[in-house]
Amino acid sequence: MSQQQRVVAVVVTWNRRDLLAEALRAVAGQTRPAWRVVVVDNASTDGTAALLAADFPAVEVVRSRRNLGGAGGFALGMRHVLDTGAGDLLWLMDDDTVPRPAALEALTAARSSYRGATPALLCSRVVWTDGRDHPMNTPRRWPWVGSAARRAAARCGCVPVRSASFVSLLVDAAVVRRRGLPLADYFLWNEDFEFTARLVRGNVGLLCPASVVVHHTRTFGATDVDPGDRFFYEVRNKVWLFTRSRGLSPLEKVGYGAATLLRWGRTLRASQHRGVLLASLRRGLAAGIRSSPRPTEDVLAAAGAEAQQQP
C-alpha cells in the first residue's frame, strides 16, 4: 500500500455495540483494506468498551467522557488521525454503516482514475437493508456544475456532488487540514452538510455508485419524517449554516434556504406531533439567531476525550 494512499477508517459509535461489531467486521473484510481503524466511542454505556477490547484488539479507540454527537465524534476522530500524522485519506462512517466488500476499493479506484484536480471527497451509494437507495443519505448533486466536470466524473463512473453525509465518506486529509474539522457544536443534523460543503467549495466532490454501503436505520425514510424534539437541531443548525458557514456561496444559501423552508412546511403538515415541532422550531430559531457555534477545539476539550491503543 503506497504512502500516498494510506486510508484510515474512522467509525463513530454510541450505544450500538451489535451494529458496531457488524460494521467493524465489514471494514475488516474489505478487498482493499484500510491501513488503520479508529473507533470514536461517544461515552457508550452498553458494553461497547468490553466488546472492542475482546473482539477488536487491533482497533484504535478514542473515548469521550460525554456524548459529542456525530459532529463532535467525527471531529474528535479526525483530529486524532491528523495529530498522529498518519493517513492521507479518512474513510468516515457511522456505526450503523455496513460497507459491502468492495466499497473502499471502488472509492480509491475512482479517486485514482479521476482526471483533473484531486477530489476533496468521494461518497458511496447508500442503500437500506432491502437494497433500495436510502433517502436519508442522498448526496446533493451539483446542479450548476459545468459539462466538462460532468464528463470528467463520468469517465471514472462518478457524479459531481456538492455535499454528502457521514455514511461512507472518503476525504482528503490535506483538505481537512486547510478547511477545518466538522463543527462539533452542531451535535447532530447538518454537521455533514456544513463540513462537506466547506470541503467541496472550489474543489471536486464525487458520488461513486460502484461503492455501496448498507445503512441499518430502523425505518426507511428521510430525516424529516416527524423528527420530534430533535427538530431543534435541524432548525438551529440550518440557521447557523446559512448565516455563519463559509461552505456555501450567497446564491447557494438563498437556494438551499428556500428549499429548507419548503421542507419544514411539509414536515409540519405531515406531523402527528405538530405542537412538539412548533416548540422545537421556535427554540431552534432563537438559538440559531442569538448564538454561534463554539470553536470545535473548545467543545472537544470540555469533553475530556482520550485516545487509547487496545492492549
Protein backbone atom coordinates (compact mmCIF):
# COMPACT_ATOMS: atom_id res chain seq x y z
CA MET A 1 0.00 0.00 0.00
CA SER A 2 1.59 3.25 -1.10
CA GLN A 3 2.29 6.12 1.26
CA GLN A 4 0.09 8.32 -0.95
CA GLN A 5 -2.97 6.14 -0.40
CA ARG A 6 -2.94 5.25 3.27
CA VAL A 7 -6.58 5.10 4.35
CA VAL A 8 -7.68 5.39 7.97
CA ALA A 9 -11.25 4.31 8.71
CA VAL A 10 -12.97 6.42 11.39
CA VAL A 11 -16.15 4.94 12.88
CA VAL A 12 -18.24 6.89 15.42
CA THR A 13 -20.40 4.93 17.85
CA TRP A 14 -22.78 5.47 20.74
CA ASN A 15 -24.60 2.62 22.49
CA ARG A 16 -24.98 0.36 19.45
CA ARG A 17 -22.44 -2.34 20.14
CA ASP A 18 -24.05 -5.02 17.96
CA LEU A 19 -24.28 -2.72 14.95
CA LEU A 20 -20.74 -1.53 15.61
CA ALA A 21 -19.47 -5.11 15.59
CA GLU A 22 -21.14 -5.74 12.23
CA ALA A 23 -19.69 -2.52 10.81
CA LEU A 24 -16.16 -3.33 12.00
CA ARG A 25 -16.31 -6.85 10.59
CA ALA A 26 -17.32 -5.35 7.24
CA VAL A 27 -14.48 -2.83 7.40
CA ALA A 28 -12.02 -5.65 8.15
CA GLY A 29 -13.38 -7.67 5.22
CA GLN A 30 -12.68 -5.08 2.52
CA THR A 31 -10.99 -6.19 -0.69
CA ARG A 32 -8.81 -3.10 -0.30
CA PRO A 33 -8.14 -2.94 3.45
CA ALA A 34 -7.85 0.24 5.46
CA TRP A 35 -4.40 0.91 6.89
CA ARG A 36 -5.74 1.76 10.35
CA VAL A 37 -9.16 1.66 12.01
CA VAL A 38 -10.15 4.21 14.65
CA VAL A 39 -13.37 3.95 16.69
CA VAL A 40 -14.67 7.02 18.48
CA ASP A 41 -16.69 5.86 21.49
CA ASN A 42 -19.09 8.66 22.44
CA ALA A 43 -19.35 7.64 26.13
CA SER A 44 -21.25 4.41 25.43
CA THR A 45 -22.74 2.58 28.42
CA ASP A 46 -23.80 -0.66 26.72
CA GLY A 47 -20.59 -2.66 26.92
CA THR A 48 -19.00 -1.21 23.79
CA ALA A 49 -15.63 -0.85 25.50
CA ALA A 50 -15.59 -4.52 26.52
CA LEU A 51 -16.62 -5.58 23.01
CA LEU A 52 -13.79 -3.62 21.43
CA ALA A 53 -11.20 -4.97 23.85
CA ALA A 54 -12.31 -8.57 23.45
CA ASP A 55 -13.20 -8.83 19.76
CA PHE A 56 -11.33 -6.00 18.02
CA PRO A 57 -7.99 -5.61 19.83
CA ALA A 58 -6.22 -4.07 16.84
CA VAL A 59 -8.64 -1.15 16.62
CA GLU A 60 -7.54 2.20 18.00
CA VAL A 61 -10.12 3.69 20.36
CA VAL A 62 -10.76 7.33 21.18
CA ARG A 63 -13.14 7.76 24.10
CA SER A 64 -15.05 10.82 25.20
CA ARG A 65 -16.41 11.38 28.70
CA ARG A 66 -19.72 12.54 27.23
CA ASN A 67 -21.69 12.06 24.05
CA LEU A 68 -20.48 14.57 21.46
CA GLY A 69 -22.99 13.53 18.82
CA GLY A 70 -21.98 12.78 15.29
CA ALA A 71 -20.49 16.25 14.80
CA GLY A 72 -18.14 16.08 17.76
CA GLY A 73 -17.42 12.39 17.32
CA PHE A 74 -16.16 12.79 13.77
CA ALA A 75 -14.24 15.94 14.71
CA LEU A 76 -12.58 14.03 17.55
CA GLY A 77 -11.67 11.05 15.37
CA MET A 78 -10.32 13.18 12.55
CA ARG A 79 -8.30 15.32 14.93
CA HIS A 80 -6.76 12.16 16.41
CA VAL A 81 -5.68 10.93 12.97
CA LEU A 82 -4.36 14.32 11.88
CA ASP A 83 -2.48 14.83 15.16
CA THR A 84 -0.75 11.46 14.83
CA GLY A 85 0.34 12.42 11.32
CA ALA A 86 -0.60 9.08 9.75
CA GLY A 87 -3.14 8.67 6.99
CA ASP A 88 -3.68 10.55 3.77
CA LEU A 89 -7.33 9.64 3.33
CA LEU A 90 -10.02 9.38 6.00
CA TRP A 91 -12.90 6.93 5.47
CA LEU A 92 -15.75 8.16 7.69
CA MET A 93 -18.85 6.25 8.73
CA ASP A 94 -21.44 5.85 11.48
CA ASP A 95 -21.70 2.65 13.49
CA ASP A 96 -24.82 1.56 11.57
CA THR A 97 -22.99 1.62 8.22
CA VAL A 98 -22.08 -1.77 6.77
CA PRO A 99 -19.85 -1.42 3.69
CA ARG A 100 -20.01 -4.12 1.07
CA PRO A 101 -16.65 -5.84 0.46
CA ALA A 102 -15.52 -3.68 -2.48
CA ALA A 103 -16.79 -0.35 -1.10
CA LEU A 104 -13.41 1.12 -0.22
CA GLU A 105 -11.67 -0.29 -3.28
CA ALA A 106 -14.25 1.38 -5.53
CA LEU A 107 -13.75 4.74 -3.82
CA THR A 108 -9.97 4.68 -4.06
CA ALA A 109 -10.04 3.41 -7.65
CA ALA A 110 -12.35 6.23 -8.71
CA ARG A 111 -10.16 8.76 -6.96
CA SER A 112 -7.04 7.42 -8.69
CA SER A 113 -8.63 7.35 -12.14
CA TYR A 114 -10.20 10.81 -11.97
CA ARG A 115 -8.50 13.11 -14.47
CA GLY A 116 -8.44 16.60 -13.04
CA ALA A 117 -7.90 18.24 -9.68
CA THR A 118 -7.64 15.64 -6.92
CA PRO A 119 -11.11 15.19 -5.40
CA ALA A 120 -11.59 16.62 -1.91
CA LEU A 121 -14.06 13.84 -1.15
CA LEU A 122 -15.87 10.84 -2.57
CA CYS A 123 -19.01 9.26 -1.16
CA SER A 124 -20.65 5.87 -1.56
CA ARG A 125 -24.08 4.88 -2.78
CA VAL A 126 -26.13 4.23 0.37
CA VAL A 127 -28.88 1.61 0.37
CA TRP A 128 -31.25 0.36 3.04
CA THR A 129 -31.39 -3.24 4.22
CA ASP A 130 -33.67 -4.23 1.31
CA GLY A 131 -31.37 -2.74 -1.34
CA ARG A 132 -33.35 0.43 -2.07
CA ASP A 133 -31.45 3.72 -2.27
CA HIS A 134 -31.74 5.32 1.16
CA PRO A 135 -33.36 8.78 1.01
CA MET A 136 -31.69 9.80 4.26
CA ASN A 137 -28.26 9.76 2.65
CA THR A 138 -28.77 11.05 -0.88
CA PRO A 139 -25.84 13.38 -1.71
CA ARG A 140 -26.71 16.81 -3.04
CA ARG A 141 -25.79 16.75 -6.68
CA TRP A 142 -24.25 19.92 -8.05
CA PRO A 143 -26.89 21.48 -10.34
CA TRP A 144 -24.62 24.27 -11.64
CA VAL A 145 -21.55 22.21 -12.41
CA GLY A 146 -20.21 22.54 -15.96
CA SER A 147 -20.39 19.91 -18.66
CA ALA A 148 -16.61 19.37 -18.59
CA ALA A 149 -16.76 18.48 -14.89
CA ARG A 150 -19.67 16.11 -15.52
CA ARG A 151 -17.74 14.35 -18.28
CA ALA A 152 -14.62 14.07 -16.12
CA ALA A 153 -16.68 12.49 -13.34
CA ALA A 154 -18.47 10.16 -15.73
CA ARG A 155 -15.17 8.84 -17.10
CA CYS A 156 -14.42 7.33 -13.70
CA GLY A 157 -18.01 6.21 -13.13
CA CYS A 158 -18.94 9.07 -10.81
CA VAL A 159 -21.27 12.06 -10.49
CA PRO A 160 -20.31 15.54 -9.16
CA VAL A 161 -21.85 16.36 -5.78
CA ARG A 162 -21.99 19.49 -3.65
CA SER A 163 -22.25 17.76 -0.26
CA ALA A 164 -22.63 14.31 1.27
CA SER A 165 -23.31 12.51 4.56
CA PHE A 166 -21.08 10.76 7.08
CA VAL A 167 -22.19 7.36 5.77
CA SER A 168 -19.09 6.16 3.93
CA LEU A 169 -17.27 9.34 3.04
CA LEU A 170 -13.65 9.32 1.82
CA VAL A 171 -11.99 12.70 2.44
CA ASP A 172 -8.54 14.06 1.67
CA ALA A 173 -6.71 14.69 4.95
CA ALA A 174 -4.79 17.61 3.43
CA VAL A 175 -8.02 19.39 2.54
CA VAL A 176 -9.34 18.85 6.07
CA ARG A 177 -6.18 20.44 7.46
CA ARG A 178 -6.80 23.50 5.28
CA ARG A 179 -10.56 23.81 5.64
CA GLY A 180 -11.01 22.62 9.22
CA LEU A 181 -12.76 19.88 11.17
CA PRO A 182 -16.54 19.45 11.45
CA LEU A 183 -18.16 21.96 13.80
CA ALA A 184 -18.62 19.92 16.97
CA ASP A 185 -21.28 22.24 18.40
CA TYR A 186 -23.75 21.14 15.69
CA PHE A 187 -24.02 17.87 17.69
CA LEU A 188 -26.31 16.21 15.14
CA TRP A 189 -28.01 17.08 11.85
CA ASN A 190 -26.46 19.19 9.12
CA GLU A 191 -22.93 18.83 10.51
CA ASP A 192 -22.03 16.67 7.50
CA PHE A 193 -23.75 19.12 5.11
CA GLU A 194 -21.76 22.04 6.50
CA PHE A 195 -18.47 20.13 6.63
CA THR A 196 -18.64 18.59 3.16
CA ALA A 197 -19.92 21.79 1.53
CA ARG A 198 -16.94 23.59 3.05
CA LEU A 199 -14.51 20.96 1.70
CA VAL A 200 -16.04 20.88 -1.78
CA ARG A 201 -16.34 24.64 -2.31
CA GLY A 202 -13.80 25.36 -5.03
CA ASN A 203 -12.85 21.67 -5.10
CA VAL A 204 -14.20 18.40 -6.51
CA GLY A 205 -16.71 16.14 -4.76
CA LEU A 206 -17.86 12.86 -6.31
CA LEU A 207 -20.54 10.24 -5.76
CA CYS A 208 -19.19 6.78 -6.63
CA PRO A 209 -22.17 4.45 -7.29
CA ALA A 210 -19.87 1.40 -7.54
CA SER A 211 -19.09 1.82 -3.84
CA VAL A 212 -22.11 0.52 -1.92
CA VAL A 213 -22.85 0.54 1.80
CA VAL A 214 -25.93 -0.56 3.74
CA HIS A 215 -27.34 1.90 6.26
CA HIS A 216 -29.08 -0.03 9.05
CA THR A 217 -31.62 2.56 10.17
CA ARG A 218 -34.73 1.28 11.95
CA THR A 219 -37.07 2.54 9.27
CA PHE A 220 -36.83 3.55 5.64
CA GLY A 221 -37.23 7.27 5.15
CA ALA A 222 -35.66 10.70 5.30
CA THR A 223 -34.72 12.58 8.46
CA ASP A 224 -37.65 14.97 8.08
CA VAL A 225 -40.28 12.31 8.82
CA ASP A 226 -41.73 13.51 12.16
CA PRO A 227 -38.38 14.11 13.90
CA GLY A 228 -39.85 15.09 17.30
CA ASP A 229 -37.88 17.39 19.58
CA ARG A 230 -34.70 16.67 17.60
CA PHE A 231 -36.16 19.13 15.09
CA PHE A 232 -34.46 21.76 17.28
CA TYR A 233 -31.05 20.72 15.90
CA GLU A 234 -32.28 20.80 12.32
CA VAL A 235 -33.54 24.38 12.74
CA ARG A 236 -30.70 25.80 14.83
CA ASN A 237 -28.01 24.23 12.69
CA LYS A 238 -29.59 25.34 9.43
CA VAL A 239 -29.71 28.93 10.76
CA TRP A 240 -26.02 28.63 11.68
CA LEU A 241 -25.25 27.10 8.28
CA PHE A 242 -26.99 29.79 6.24
CA THR A 243 -25.78 32.74 8.31
CA ARG A 244 -22.30 31.78 9.52
CA SER A 245 -20.78 28.97 7.44
CA ARG A 246 -18.14 29.56 4.76
CA GLY A 247 -19.21 26.40 2.94
CA LEU A 248 -21.90 27.90 0.72
CA SER A 249 -21.89 30.91 -1.59
CA PRO A 250 -24.52 33.64 -1.04
CA LEU A 251 -26.53 32.36 -4.01
CA GLU A 252 -26.41 28.80 -2.70
CA LYS A 253 -27.59 29.95 0.70
CA VAL A 254 -30.64 31.55 -0.90
CA GLY A 255 -31.43 28.43 -2.92
CA TYR A 256 -30.88 25.91 -0.14
CA GLY A 257 -32.62 28.22 2.34
CA ALA A 258 -35.77 28.34 0.20
CA ALA A 259 -35.73 24.54 -0.19
CA THR A 260 -35.33 24.19 3.58
CA LEU A 261 -38.39 26.34 4.30
CA LEU A 262 -40.48 24.25 1.92
CA ARG A 263 -39.28 21.03 3.57
CA TRP A 264 -40.02 22.37 7.06
CA GLY A 265 -43.53 23.21 5.91
CA ARG A 266 -44.07 19.68 4.60
CA THR A 267 -42.72 18.20 7.82
CA LEU A 268 -45.07 20.29 9.96
CA ARG A 269 -48.12 19.48 7.82
CA ALA A 270 -47.43 15.73 7.93
CA SER A 271 -46.56 15.53 11.63
CA GLN A 272 -48.69 13.78 14.21
CA HIS A 273 -46.92 15.85 16.90
CA ARG A 274 -47.16 19.34 15.47
CA GLY A 275 -47.00 21.03 18.86
CA VAL A 276 -43.63 19.42 19.60
CA LEU A 277 -42.26 20.50 16.23
CA LEU A 278 -43.53 24.07 16.58
CA ALA A 279 -41.91 24.36 20.01
CA SER A 280 -38.65 22.97 18.61
CA LEU A 281 -38.90 25.37 15.67
CA ARG A 282 -39.19 28.38 17.99
CA ARG A 283 -36.32 27.20 20.19
CA GLY A 284 -34.13 26.41 17.19
CA LEU A 285 -34.72 29.78 15.53
CA ALA A 286 -33.95 31.62 18.78
CA ALA A 287 -30.78 29.63 19.42
CA GLY A 288 -29.59 29.95 15.84
CA ILE A 289 -30.07 33.71 15.76
CA ARG A 290 -28.74 34.50 19.23
CA SER A 291 -25.72 32.20 19.32
CA SER A 292 -22.87 30.92 17.18
CA PRO A 293 -21.14 27.52 17.23
CA ARG A 294 -18.30 27.42 19.71
CA PRO A 295 -14.82 26.64 18.39
CA THR A 296 -14.54 22.90 17.90
CA GLU A 297 -11.36 22.67 19.98
CA ASP A 298 -13.24 24.17 22.95
CA VAL A 299 -16.03 21.60 22.63
CA LEU A 300 -13.58 18.71 22.41
CA ALA A 301 -11.53 19.97 25.34
CA ALA A 302 -14.64 20.16 27.51
CA ALA A 303 -15.43 16.52 26.68
CA GLY A 304 -12.13 15.31 28.13
CA ALA A 305 -11.52 12.85 25.32
CA GLU A 306 -8.59 10.49 25.36
CA ALA A 307 -7.02 8.13 22.82
CA GLN A 308 -6.25 4.57 23.81
CA GLN A 309 -4.45 1.79 21.97
CA GLN A 310 -6.11 -1.52 22.70
CA PRO A 311 -3.91 -3.95 24.68
